[in-house]
């Protein structure tokens, strides 16, 4: 009696969430060329991503922190609550020293910067699919150092800010006023003003002018051209 052929191995289904069509297309093409992976959907905003997750039930998601009209960090928190078993890899232009730990706390299973080699994205995706964490060697060493009780590595003063304060700080640095920030983050102008006050205290700034200058400088250092805010 002839042996039955082995059943065809199903591909892991990946959702791609990024507000740049060219980036999404590049990821779709790269993932689609793999024998064990396929793209099951795309999204450019947090709302679209949540709808796509519900509709396609992906095995993993690749998420940018800079999304159309929304925050990638807030999306990570929503996914953690609504789909706690879905592993998410953050792929961002933002410096891992500032955002990787925040992303992991928000629910991500991995973090890598877009400047990394393309094949590393595939490595990272397969690692989170296997239930592991993916970080660069440098970032992993930094987090381990902090975990074992050593003194945290020196970083930007902006690391003192909460996730929401950092969002406001980044938007100030891009020239947004209180009303625009309130609209973008779905807050009231009064709440934005409160966040501005908290930021000034945490960064030891004495005026709105100082806040603006520091925010602009920080945005220039941390966000490559075209990166945008969170």
Protein backbone atom coordinates (compact mmCIF):
# COMPACT_ATOMS: atom_id res chain seq x y z
CA UNK A 1 0.00 0.00 0.00
CA UNK A 2 1.47 3.32 -1.07
CA UNK A 3 2.25 5.80 1.66
CA UNK A 4 0.08 8.89 1.75
CA UNK A 5 1.84 12.13 0.90
CA UNK A 6 2.64 14.34 3.87
CA UNK A 7 0.01 17.04 4.38
CA UNK A 8 0.97 20.42 3.00
CA UNK A 9 2.29 22.67 5.75
CA UNK A 10 0.11 25.72 6.23
CA UNK A 11 1.72 29.12 6.08
CA UNK A 12 1.81 31.51 9.02
CA UNK A 13 -0.48 34.45 8.26
CA UNK A 14 0.97 37.93 8.85
CA UNK A 15 -0.84 41.28 9.10
CA UNK A 16 1.18 44.32 7.97
CA UNK A 17 0.35 47.66 9.64
CA UNK A 18 2.18 50.74 8.32
CA UNK A 19 1.01 54.12 7.06
CA UNK A 20 3.45 54.17 4.12
CA UNK A 21 2.15 52.21 1.08
CA UNK A 22 5.66 51.65 -0.28
CA UNK A 23 6.80 50.10 3.00
CA UNK A 24 3.73 47.88 3.13
CA UNK A 25 4.26 46.74 -0.46
CA UNK A 26 7.89 45.92 0.23
CA UNK A 27 6.96 43.81 3.24
CA UNK A 28 4.17 42.07 1.31
CA UNK A 29 6.56 41.11 -1.48
CA UNK A 30 9.29 39.94 0.88
CA UNK A 31 6.97 37.87 3.07
CA UNK A 32 5.09 36.51 0.05
CA UNK A 33 8.29 35.00 -1.34
CA UNK A 34 8.74 32.78 1.73
CA UNK A 35 7.48 29.21 1.77
CA UNK A 36 6.26 29.36 5.37
CA UNK A 37 4.79 32.87 5.52
CA UNK A 38 2.03 34.83 3.79
CA UNK A 39 0.38 38.24 4.22
CA UNK A 40 -3.29 38.01 5.17
CA UNK A 41 -4.04 41.73 5.33
CA UNK A 42 -2.79 45.31 5.45
CA UNK A 43 -3.73 48.42 7.44
CA UNK A 44 -2.54 52.03 7.72
CA UNK A 45 -4.23 53.05 10.98
CA UNK A 46 -5.03 51.58 14.37
CA UNK A 47 -8.74 51.33 13.59
CA UNK A 48 -8.06 49.50 10.32
CA UNK A 49 -5.63 47.19 12.08
CA UNK A 50 -8.13 46.17 14.74
CA UNK A 51 -10.77 45.49 12.08
CA UNK A 52 -8.27 43.47 10.05
CA UNK A 53 -7.26 41.38 13.07
CA UNK A 54 -10.90 40.55 13.76
CA UNK A 55 -11.57 39.73 10.11
CA UNK A 56 -8.44 37.73 9.22
CA UNK A 57 -7.24 36.21 12.53
CA UNK A 58 -3.51 36.56 11.72
CA UNK A 59 -0.83 34.47 13.38
CA UNK A 60 1.35 37.56 13.90
CA UNK A 61 1.42 41.26 13.05
CA UNK A 62 4.11 43.72 12.00
CA UNK A 63 3.28 47.19 13.32
CA UNK A 64 4.87 50.61 12.82
CA UNK A 65 4.73 53.11 15.67
CA UNK A 66 3.87 55.96 13.32
CA UNK A 67 0.39 55.33 11.94
CA UNK A 68 -2.14 57.41 10.06
CA UNK A 69 -3.95 59.54 12.64
CA UNK A 70 -3.07 57.26 15.52
CA UNK A 71 -0.37 55.94 17.83
CA UNK A 72 1.28 52.58 17.40
CA UNK A 73 1.83 52.34 21.15
CA UNK A 74 -1.88 52.76 21.80
CA UNK A 75 -2.61 50.12 19.16
CA UNK A 76 -0.25 47.71 20.92
CA UNK A 77 -2.13 48.24 24.18
CA UNK A 78 -5.48 47.64 22.46
CA UNK A 79 -4.18 44.45 20.83
CA UNK A 80 -2.87 43.24 24.19
CA UNK A 81 -6.36 43.62 25.68
CA UNK A 82 -8.42 42.35 22.74
CA UNK A 83 -6.06 39.75 21.27
CA UNK A 84 -3.57 38.86 24.02
CA UNK A 85 -2.21 35.81 22.17
CA UNK A 86 -1.33 37.68 18.98
CA UNK A 87 2.45 38.23 18.76
CA UNK A 88 3.41 41.65 17.40
CA UNK A 89 6.72 42.81 15.95
CA UNK A 90 7.29 46.57 15.95
CA UNK A 91 9.17 47.77 12.87
CA UNK A 92 9.92 51.48 13.22
CA UNK A 93 12.22 54.34 12.32
CA UNK A 94 12.24 55.38 15.97
CA UNK A 95 15.34 54.77 18.06
CA UNK A 96 15.09 51.48 19.93
CA UNK A 97 16.85 53.01 22.94
CA UNK A 98 13.81 55.23 23.44
CA UNK A 99 10.93 53.05 22.27
CA UNK A 100 11.78 49.34 22.50
CA UNK A 101 11.09 48.98 26.21
CA UNK A 102 7.90 51.04 25.89
CA UNK A 103 6.74 48.83 23.03
CA UNK A 104 7.41 45.64 25.02
CA UNK A 105 5.52 47.03 28.01
CA UNK A 106 2.62 47.85 25.69
CA UNK A 107 2.47 44.27 24.48
CA UNK A 108 4.92 43.84 21.58
CA UNK A 109 6.99 40.65 21.35
CA UNK A 110 9.78 42.21 19.33
CA UNK A 111 11.25 45.52 18.20
CA UNK A 112 13.52 46.36 15.30
CA UNK A 113 14.41 49.49 13.39
CA UNK A 114 13.72 49.89 9.68
CA UNK A 115 17.39 50.53 8.99
CA UNK A 116 18.14 46.87 9.73
CA UNK A 117 18.74 44.42 6.89
CA UNK A 118 15.53 43.13 5.29
CA UNK A 119 16.24 39.48 6.06
CA UNK A 120 16.27 40.30 9.78
CA UNK A 121 12.56 41.10 9.55
CA UNK A 122 11.91 37.50 8.54
CA UNK A 123 14.11 36.24 11.38
CA UNK A 124 12.23 38.43 13.84
CA UNK A 125 8.82 37.32 12.57
CA UNK A 126 9.73 33.65 12.86
CA UNK A 127 11.09 34.20 16.34
CA UNK A 128 7.92 35.81 17.69
CA UNK A 129 5.85 33.11 15.97
CA UNK A 130 7.88 30.61 17.98
CA UNK A 131 6.92 32.37 21.21
CA UNK A 132 10.24 34.16 21.68
CA UNK A 133 11.24 37.81 22.03
CA UNK A 134 13.20 39.60 19.31
CA UNK A 135 15.51 42.53 20.12
CA UNK A 136 18.86 43.69 18.82
CA UNK A 137 21.86 42.44 20.80
CA UNK A 138 22.49 45.98 22.05
CA UNK A 139 18.94 46.48 23.29
CA UNK A 140 18.75 43.02 24.84
CA UNK A 141 21.96 43.69 26.79
CA UNK A 142 20.64 47.03 27.98
CA UNK A 143 17.36 45.57 29.26
CA UNK A 144 19.18 42.70 30.94
CA UNK A 145 21.51 45.14 32.65
CA UNK A 146 18.55 47.07 34.03
CA UNK A 147 16.75 43.87 35.06
CA UNK A 148 19.57 42.54 37.24
CA UNK A 149 19.62 45.73 39.28
CA UNK A 150 22.41 47.67 37.68
CA UNK A 151 22.15 51.40 37.15
CA UNK A 152 20.10 52.18 34.03
CA UNK A 153 22.18 53.24 31.08
CA UNK A 154 22.23 56.98 30.56
CA UNK A 155 19.74 58.10 27.97
CA UNK A 156 17.64 61.02 26.85
CA UNK A 157 15.83 63.02 29.55
CA UNK A 158 12.68 62.31 27.52
CA UNK A 159 12.81 58.75 28.89
CA UNK A 160 11.30 60.19 32.06
CA UNK A 161 8.07 60.91 30.18
CA UNK A 162 5.04 58.63 30.11
CA UNK A 163 3.94 57.20 26.76
CA UNK A 164 1.27 59.88 26.32
CA UNK A 165 3.60 62.68 27.41
CA UNK A 166 6.15 61.46 24.88
CA UNK A 167 3.52 61.56 22.14
CA UNK A 168 2.66 65.16 23.03
CA UNK A 169 6.36 66.07 23.24
CA UNK A 170 7.01 64.59 19.80
CA UNK A 171 4.12 66.49 18.23
CA UNK A 172 5.24 69.75 19.84
CA UNK A 173 8.62 69.12 18.25
CA UNK A 174 6.97 68.87 14.84
CA UNK A 175 5.29 72.23 15.27
CA UNK A 176 1.78 71.16 16.28
CA UNK A 177 -0.16 73.52 18.57
CA UNK A 178 -2.43 72.45 21.43
CA UNK A 179 -5.58 72.34 19.31
CA UNK A 180 -3.97 70.19 16.60
CA UNK A 181 -2.42 67.86 19.17
CA UNK A 182 -5.78 67.52 20.92
CA UNK A 183 -7.46 66.62 17.63
CA UNK A 184 -4.75 64.15 16.63
CA UNK A 185 -4.70 62.34 19.98
CA UNK A 186 -8.45 62.64 20.64
CA UNK A 187 -7.90 64.74 23.77
CA UNK A 188 -9.20 68.08 24.97
CA UNK A 189 -6.93 71.15 24.61
CA UNK A 190 -7.04 71.47 28.41
CA UNK A 191 -5.69 67.93 28.79
CA UNK A 192 -2.91 68.69 26.31
CA UNK A 193 -2.00 71.76 28.33
CA UNK A 194 -1.83 69.59 31.45
CA UNK A 195 0.54 67.21 29.68
CA UNK A 196 2.68 70.16 28.61
CA UNK A 197 2.95 71.19 32.25
CA UNK A 198 3.98 67.68 33.30
CA UNK A 199 6.61 67.59 30.56
CA UNK A 200 8.11 70.91 31.63
CA UNK A 201 8.39 69.70 35.22
CA UNK A 202 9.97 66.35 34.29
CA UNK A 203 12.46 67.97 31.90
CA UNK A 204 13.22 70.90 34.23
CA UNK A 205 12.01 73.48 31.70
CA UNK A 206 10.76 76.86 32.84
CA UNK A 207 8.80 78.17 29.86
CA UNK A 208 6.81 77.18 26.79
CA UNK A 209 9.61 78.58 24.63
CA UNK A 210 12.13 76.27 26.27
CA UNK A 211 9.72 73.36 25.83
CA UNK A 212 9.35 74.10 22.13
CA UNK A 213 13.11 74.40 21.61
CA UNK A 214 13.83 71.11 23.39
CA UNK A 215 11.02 69.32 21.58
CA UNK A 216 12.23 70.50 18.16
CA UNK A 217 15.80 69.44 18.92
CA UNK A 218 14.66 66.06 20.22
CA UNK A 219 12.45 65.45 17.18
CA UNK A 220 15.33 66.25 14.82
CA UNK A 221 17.68 63.86 16.62
CA UNK A 222 15.25 60.97 17.01
CA UNK A 223 13.05 61.00 13.91
CA UNK A 224 14.64 60.47 10.49
CA UNK A 225 13.20 62.48 7.60
CA UNK A 226 9.69 61.35 6.88
CA UNK A 227 9.41 59.39 10.14
CA UNK A 228 6.76 61.56 11.68
CA UNK A 229 5.43 61.42 15.20
CA UNK A 230 4.12 58.40 16.97
